[in-house]
N, C-alpha and C. Protein backbone atom coordinates (compact mmCIF):
# COMPACT_ATOMS: atom_id res chain seq x y z
N MET A 1 -88.64 88.53 -75.89
CA MET A 1 -88.16 89.38 -76.96
C MET A 1 -87.21 88.59 -77.86
N SER A 2 -87.32 88.82 -79.14
CA SER A 2 -86.40 88.17 -80.06
C SER A 2 -85.82 89.22 -80.99
N PHE A 3 -84.67 88.91 -81.55
CA PHE A 3 -84.01 89.80 -82.49
C PHE A 3 -84.53 89.52 -83.88
N GLN A 4 -84.66 90.58 -84.66
CA GLN A 4 -85.09 90.44 -86.05
C GLN A 4 -83.86 90.19 -86.92
N PRO A 5 -84.02 89.41 -87.97
CA PRO A 5 -82.86 89.16 -88.85
C PRO A 5 -82.40 90.44 -89.52
N VAL A 6 -81.10 90.64 -89.53
CA VAL A 6 -80.52 91.79 -90.22
C VAL A 6 -80.22 91.39 -91.66
N SER A 7 -79.91 92.37 -92.46
CA SER A 7 -79.64 92.13 -93.87
C SER A 7 -78.62 91.03 -94.06
N GLY A 8 -78.93 90.09 -94.92
CA GLY A 8 -78.00 89.00 -95.21
C GLY A 8 -78.13 87.80 -94.28
N MET A 9 -78.77 87.99 -93.13
CA MET A 9 -78.83 86.90 -92.15
C MET A 9 -79.66 85.73 -92.66
N LEU A 10 -80.77 86.01 -93.34
CA LEU A 10 -81.57 84.92 -93.89
C LEU A 10 -80.79 84.17 -94.97
N ASP A 11 -80.09 84.92 -95.81
CA ASP A 11 -79.25 84.28 -96.83
C ASP A 11 -78.24 83.35 -96.16
N ALA A 12 -77.58 83.86 -95.13
CA ALA A 12 -76.56 83.08 -94.43
C ALA A 12 -77.15 81.82 -93.81
N CYS A 13 -78.33 81.94 -93.20
CA CYS A 13 -78.96 80.77 -92.57
C CYS A 13 -79.36 79.72 -93.61
N VAL A 14 -79.92 80.18 -94.75
CA VAL A 14 -80.29 79.25 -95.81
C VAL A 14 -79.04 78.53 -96.33
N LEU A 15 -77.98 79.26 -96.57
CA LEU A 15 -76.75 78.64 -97.06
C LEU A 15 -76.16 77.69 -96.02
N ALA A 16 -76.30 78.03 -94.75
CA ALA A 16 -75.81 77.14 -93.69
C ALA A 16 -76.54 75.80 -93.71
N VAL A 17 -77.86 75.85 -93.81
CA VAL A 17 -78.65 74.62 -93.85
C VAL A 17 -78.27 73.80 -95.08
N LEU A 18 -78.17 74.46 -96.22
CA LEU A 18 -77.87 73.75 -97.46
C LEU A 18 -76.42 73.31 -97.57
N SER A 19 -75.55 73.86 -96.74
CA SER A 19 -74.16 73.40 -96.75
C SER A 19 -74.05 72.00 -96.16
N ARG A 20 -75.07 71.57 -95.44
CA ARG A 20 -75.06 70.22 -94.85
C ARG A 20 -75.76 69.20 -95.74
N GLU A 21 -76.87 69.63 -96.38
CA GLU A 21 -77.60 68.72 -97.27
C GLU A 21 -78.61 69.48 -98.10
N ASP A 22 -79.00 68.93 -99.22
CA ASP A 22 -80.05 69.51 -100.04
C ASP A 22 -81.35 69.48 -99.24
N ALA A 23 -82.23 70.44 -99.51
CA ALA A 23 -83.49 70.48 -98.78
C ALA A 23 -84.54 71.18 -99.63
N TYR A 24 -85.81 70.95 -99.29
CA TYR A 24 -86.90 71.64 -99.96
C TYR A 24 -87.44 72.73 -99.03
N GLY A 25 -88.28 73.60 -99.57
CA GLY A 25 -88.71 74.81 -98.89
C GLY A 25 -89.21 74.63 -97.47
N TYR A 26 -90.11 73.67 -97.25
CA TYR A 26 -90.68 73.49 -95.91
C TYR A 26 -89.59 73.15 -94.90
N ILE A 27 -88.69 72.25 -95.25
CA ILE A 27 -87.61 71.85 -94.35
C ILE A 27 -86.68 73.02 -94.08
N LEU A 28 -86.37 73.78 -95.13
CA LEU A 28 -85.53 74.97 -94.94
C LEU A 28 -86.19 75.93 -93.96
N THR A 29 -87.48 76.16 -94.14
CA THR A 29 -88.21 77.07 -93.24
C THR A 29 -88.14 76.59 -91.80
N GLN A 30 -88.37 75.30 -91.59
CA GLN A 30 -88.33 74.76 -90.23
C GLN A 30 -86.95 74.92 -89.59
N ASN A 31 -85.90 74.73 -90.37
CA ASN A 31 -84.54 74.89 -89.85
C ASN A 31 -84.23 76.35 -89.54
N VAL A 32 -84.61 77.26 -90.42
CA VAL A 32 -84.34 78.68 -90.20
C VAL A 32 -85.15 79.20 -89.02
N LYS A 33 -86.34 78.61 -88.79
CA LYS A 33 -87.16 79.01 -87.64
C LYS A 33 -86.47 78.75 -86.31
N GLU A 34 -85.42 77.94 -86.30
CA GLU A 34 -84.65 77.74 -85.08
C GLU A 34 -84.01 79.06 -84.63
N ALA A 35 -83.76 79.97 -85.58
CA ALA A 35 -83.12 81.25 -85.27
C ALA A 35 -84.09 82.43 -85.38
N PHE A 36 -84.97 82.42 -86.38
CA PHE A 36 -85.85 83.54 -86.66
C PHE A 36 -87.26 83.05 -86.94
N GLU A 37 -88.23 83.86 -86.59
CA GLU A 37 -89.60 83.56 -86.97
C GLU A 37 -89.75 83.94 -88.44
N VAL A 38 -89.91 82.96 -89.28
CA VAL A 38 -89.96 83.18 -90.72
C VAL A 38 -90.98 82.24 -91.34
N SER A 39 -91.65 82.70 -92.39
CA SER A 39 -92.62 81.86 -93.08
C SER A 39 -92.04 81.43 -94.42
N GLU A 40 -92.67 80.43 -95.02
CA GLU A 40 -92.23 79.98 -96.34
C GLU A 40 -92.36 81.12 -97.35
N SER A 41 -93.40 81.94 -97.21
CA SER A 41 -93.58 83.04 -98.17
C SER A 41 -92.48 84.08 -98.04
N THR A 42 -91.85 84.18 -96.88
CA THR A 42 -90.70 85.07 -96.70
C THR A 42 -89.44 84.45 -97.27
N LEU A 43 -89.33 83.14 -97.15
CA LEU A 43 -88.11 82.45 -97.55
C LEU A 43 -87.99 82.25 -99.06
N TYR A 44 -89.11 82.07 -99.75
CA TYR A 44 -89.03 81.78 -101.18
C TYR A 44 -88.38 82.90 -101.99
N PRO A 45 -88.63 84.19 -101.71
CA PRO A 45 -87.88 85.23 -102.44
C PRO A 45 -86.37 85.16 -102.18
N VAL A 46 -85.99 84.76 -100.97
CA VAL A 46 -84.57 84.58 -100.64
C VAL A 46 -83.99 83.46 -101.49
N LEU A 47 -84.72 82.36 -101.60
CA LEU A 47 -84.26 81.23 -102.41
C LEU A 47 -84.13 81.62 -103.88
N ARG A 48 -85.11 82.34 -104.39
CA ARG A 48 -85.05 82.77 -105.80
C ARG A 48 -83.87 83.70 -106.04
N ARG A 49 -83.63 84.62 -105.10
CA ARG A 49 -82.51 85.55 -105.26
C ARG A 49 -81.18 84.79 -105.23
N LEU A 50 -81.03 83.87 -104.27
CA LEU A 50 -79.79 83.09 -104.18
C LEU A 50 -79.59 82.22 -105.42
N GLU A 51 -80.69 81.74 -105.99
CA GLU A 51 -80.59 80.95 -107.22
C GLU A 51 -80.17 81.85 -108.40
N ARG A 52 -80.75 83.05 -108.47
CA ARG A 52 -80.36 84.01 -109.51
C ARG A 52 -78.89 84.41 -109.40
N ASP A 53 -78.39 84.47 -108.16
CA ASP A 53 -76.99 84.84 -107.91
C ASP A 53 -76.04 83.65 -108.06
N ASP A 54 -76.55 82.51 -108.53
CA ASP A 54 -75.77 81.29 -108.72
C ASP A 54 -75.20 80.71 -107.43
N CYS A 55 -75.85 81.00 -106.32
CA CYS A 55 -75.44 80.42 -105.03
C CYS A 55 -76.18 79.12 -104.76
N LEU A 56 -77.30 78.93 -105.44
CA LEU A 56 -78.11 77.72 -105.30
C LEU A 56 -78.49 77.20 -106.69
N SER A 57 -78.73 75.91 -106.74
CA SER A 57 -79.38 75.33 -107.91
C SER A 57 -80.61 74.59 -107.38
N ALA A 58 -81.56 74.35 -108.26
CA ALA A 58 -82.80 73.69 -107.84
C ALA A 58 -83.09 72.51 -108.75
N TYR A 59 -83.73 71.52 -108.19
CA TYR A 59 -84.17 70.37 -108.97
C TYR A 59 -85.44 69.82 -108.33
N ASP A 60 -86.26 69.15 -109.13
CA ASP A 60 -87.53 68.61 -108.66
C ASP A 60 -87.43 67.11 -108.43
N VAL A 61 -88.12 66.66 -107.39
CA VAL A 61 -88.20 65.24 -107.07
C VAL A 61 -89.68 64.88 -106.91
N PRO A 62 -90.17 63.87 -107.64
CA PRO A 62 -91.56 63.47 -107.48
C PRO A 62 -91.83 63.00 -106.04
N TYR A 63 -92.96 63.46 -105.49
CA TYR A 63 -93.35 63.06 -104.14
C TYR A 63 -94.87 63.04 -104.06
N GLN A 64 -95.45 61.88 -103.86
CA GLN A 64 -96.89 61.69 -103.72
C GLN A 64 -97.68 62.39 -104.84
N GLY A 65 -97.25 62.16 -106.07
CA GLY A 65 -97.97 62.68 -107.23
C GLY A 65 -97.65 64.13 -107.57
N ARG A 66 -96.79 64.76 -106.80
CA ARG A 66 -96.39 66.15 -107.08
C ARG A 66 -94.88 66.21 -107.14
N ASN A 67 -94.37 67.34 -107.55
CA ASN A 67 -92.93 67.56 -107.53
C ASN A 67 -92.57 68.41 -106.32
N ARG A 68 -91.51 68.02 -105.66
CA ARG A 68 -90.95 68.79 -104.56
C ARG A 68 -89.69 69.46 -105.08
N ARG A 69 -89.58 70.75 -104.92
CA ARG A 69 -88.39 71.48 -105.39
C ARG A 69 -87.33 71.47 -104.28
N TYR A 70 -86.20 70.85 -104.62
CA TYR A 70 -85.05 70.80 -103.70
C TYR A 70 -84.03 71.84 -104.12
N TYR A 71 -83.31 72.34 -103.14
CA TYR A 71 -82.26 73.32 -103.38
C TYR A 71 -80.93 72.74 -102.96
N ARG A 72 -79.90 73.07 -103.74
CA ARG A 72 -78.54 72.58 -103.50
C ARG A 72 -77.60 73.79 -103.54
N ILE A 73 -76.68 73.85 -102.61
CA ILE A 73 -75.70 74.93 -102.60
C ILE A 73 -74.66 74.69 -103.71
N THR A 74 -74.25 75.75 -104.37
CA THR A 74 -73.24 75.67 -105.43
C THR A 74 -71.87 76.05 -104.85
N ALA A 75 -70.85 75.95 -105.67
CA ALA A 75 -69.51 76.36 -105.24
C ALA A 75 -69.50 77.84 -104.85
N LYS A 76 -70.17 78.67 -105.66
CA LYS A 76 -70.26 80.10 -105.32
C LYS A 76 -71.01 80.30 -104.00
N GLY A 77 -72.05 79.51 -103.78
CA GLY A 77 -72.79 79.59 -102.53
C GLY A 77 -71.95 79.18 -101.33
N LYS A 78 -71.10 78.16 -101.51
CA LYS A 78 -70.20 77.74 -100.43
C LYS A 78 -69.21 78.85 -100.10
N ASP A 79 -68.68 79.51 -101.13
CA ASP A 79 -67.76 80.63 -100.90
C ASP A 79 -68.46 81.76 -100.15
N ARG A 80 -69.69 82.06 -100.57
CA ARG A 80 -70.45 83.13 -99.89
C ARG A 80 -70.73 82.73 -98.45
N PHE A 81 -71.07 81.47 -98.21
CA PHE A 81 -71.33 81.01 -96.84
C PHE A 81 -70.09 81.17 -95.97
N ILE A 82 -68.92 80.80 -96.49
CA ILE A 82 -67.68 80.97 -95.73
C ILE A 82 -67.46 82.44 -95.40
N SER A 83 -67.75 83.32 -96.34
CA SER A 83 -67.63 84.75 -96.10
C SER A 83 -68.59 85.20 -95.00
N TYR A 84 -69.82 84.69 -95.03
CA TYR A 84 -70.79 85.01 -93.97
C TYR A 84 -70.30 84.53 -92.61
N VAL A 85 -69.73 83.35 -92.55
CA VAL A 85 -69.23 82.81 -91.28
C VAL A 85 -68.11 83.70 -90.74
N ASP A 86 -67.20 84.11 -91.61
CA ASP A 86 -66.11 85.00 -91.18
C ASP A 86 -66.67 86.32 -90.65
N SER A 87 -67.62 86.90 -91.38
CA SER A 87 -68.23 88.16 -90.95
C SER A 87 -68.97 87.98 -89.63
N TRP A 88 -69.67 86.86 -89.49
CA TRP A 88 -70.42 86.59 -88.27
C TRP A 88 -69.48 86.46 -87.07
N ASP A 89 -68.37 85.77 -87.25
CA ASP A 89 -67.40 85.61 -86.15
C ASP A 89 -66.91 86.98 -85.68
N ASP A 90 -66.59 87.87 -86.62
CA ASP A 90 -66.13 89.21 -86.27
C ASP A 90 -67.24 89.99 -85.56
N TYR A 91 -68.44 89.96 -86.10
CA TYR A 91 -69.59 90.66 -85.52
C TYR A 91 -69.89 90.14 -84.12
N LYS A 92 -69.89 88.82 -83.97
CA LYS A 92 -70.19 88.21 -82.66
C LYS A 92 -69.15 88.61 -81.62
N ARG A 93 -67.89 88.64 -82.01
CA ARG A 93 -66.82 89.06 -81.10
C ARG A 93 -67.06 90.48 -80.59
N LYS A 94 -67.46 91.37 -81.48
CA LYS A 94 -67.71 92.76 -81.11
C LYS A 94 -68.92 92.88 -80.18
N ILE A 95 -69.99 92.16 -80.50
CA ILE A 95 -71.18 92.20 -79.65
C ILE A 95 -70.87 91.59 -78.28
N ASP A 96 -70.14 90.47 -78.25
CA ASP A 96 -69.76 89.86 -76.98
C ASP A 96 -68.96 90.83 -76.12
N ARG A 97 -68.08 91.60 -76.76
CA ARG A 97 -67.27 92.58 -76.03
C ARG A 97 -68.18 93.63 -75.38
N ILE A 98 -69.17 94.09 -76.11
CA ILE A 98 -70.10 95.08 -75.57
C ILE A 98 -70.93 94.47 -74.44
N PHE A 99 -71.47 93.28 -74.66
CA PHE A 99 -72.31 92.64 -73.64
C PHE A 99 -71.55 92.34 -72.36
N SER A 100 -70.27 91.99 -72.49
CA SER A 100 -69.48 91.64 -71.31
C SER A 100 -68.87 92.85 -70.62
N GLY A 101 -69.00 94.03 -71.23
CA GLY A 101 -68.45 95.23 -70.62
C GLY A 101 -66.97 95.45 -70.90
N ASN A 102 -66.40 94.74 -71.83
CA ASN A 102 -65.00 94.87 -72.18
C ASN A 102 -64.78 95.84 -73.35
N MET A 103 -65.46 96.97 -73.29
CA MET A 103 -65.36 97.95 -74.37
C MET A 103 -64.09 98.79 -74.21
N LEU A 104 -63.69 99.40 -75.30
CA LEU A 104 -62.54 100.31 -75.28
C LEU A 104 -63.02 101.71 -74.90
N GLY A 105 -62.20 102.43 -74.14
CA GLY A 105 -62.55 103.82 -73.79
C GLY A 105 -63.68 103.88 -72.80
N GLY A 106 -64.34 105.02 -72.71
CA GLY A 106 -65.47 105.19 -71.83
C GLY A 106 -65.07 105.81 -70.50
N ALA A 107 -66.06 106.04 -69.66
CA ALA A 107 -65.86 106.72 -68.38
C ALA A 107 -64.92 105.98 -67.45
N ALA A 108 -64.96 104.67 -67.47
CA ALA A 108 -64.09 103.89 -66.56
C ALA A 108 -62.62 104.16 -66.88
N ASP A 109 -62.26 104.31 -68.18
CA ASP A 109 -60.87 104.58 -68.57
C ASP A 109 -60.47 106.00 -68.16
N VAL A 110 -61.39 106.96 -68.23
CA VAL A 110 -61.09 108.36 -67.90
C VAL A 110 -60.78 108.49 -66.41
N GLN A 111 -61.52 107.74 -65.57
CA GLN A 111 -61.35 107.84 -64.13
C GLN A 111 -60.09 107.15 -63.65
N ASN A 112 -59.55 106.22 -64.39
CA ASN A 112 -58.37 105.47 -63.94
C ASN A 112 -57.10 106.11 -64.33
């Protein structure tokens, strides 16, 4: 069983990959696949949206007679990525608390 990406998670993963280095679509897809099953056709709308939101810029590089479109994170994209990391840390802490049984309240507190 695997978890499906929640809203914003694909954006966050794309920005995470691009925060390390520029990349083109296929490489981005392969990196994001480490976390989620995703196809290039799923990722390209995410890239276009992030580019429209000024979180990414794109440029072409000739490769074997064709152009390869590379994506680069912008300053706004870096800020958004930092925000995603902060949100993820908070979310992960809450989920870890539930998984480990360290929840607040509940029947165990009533009996004690």
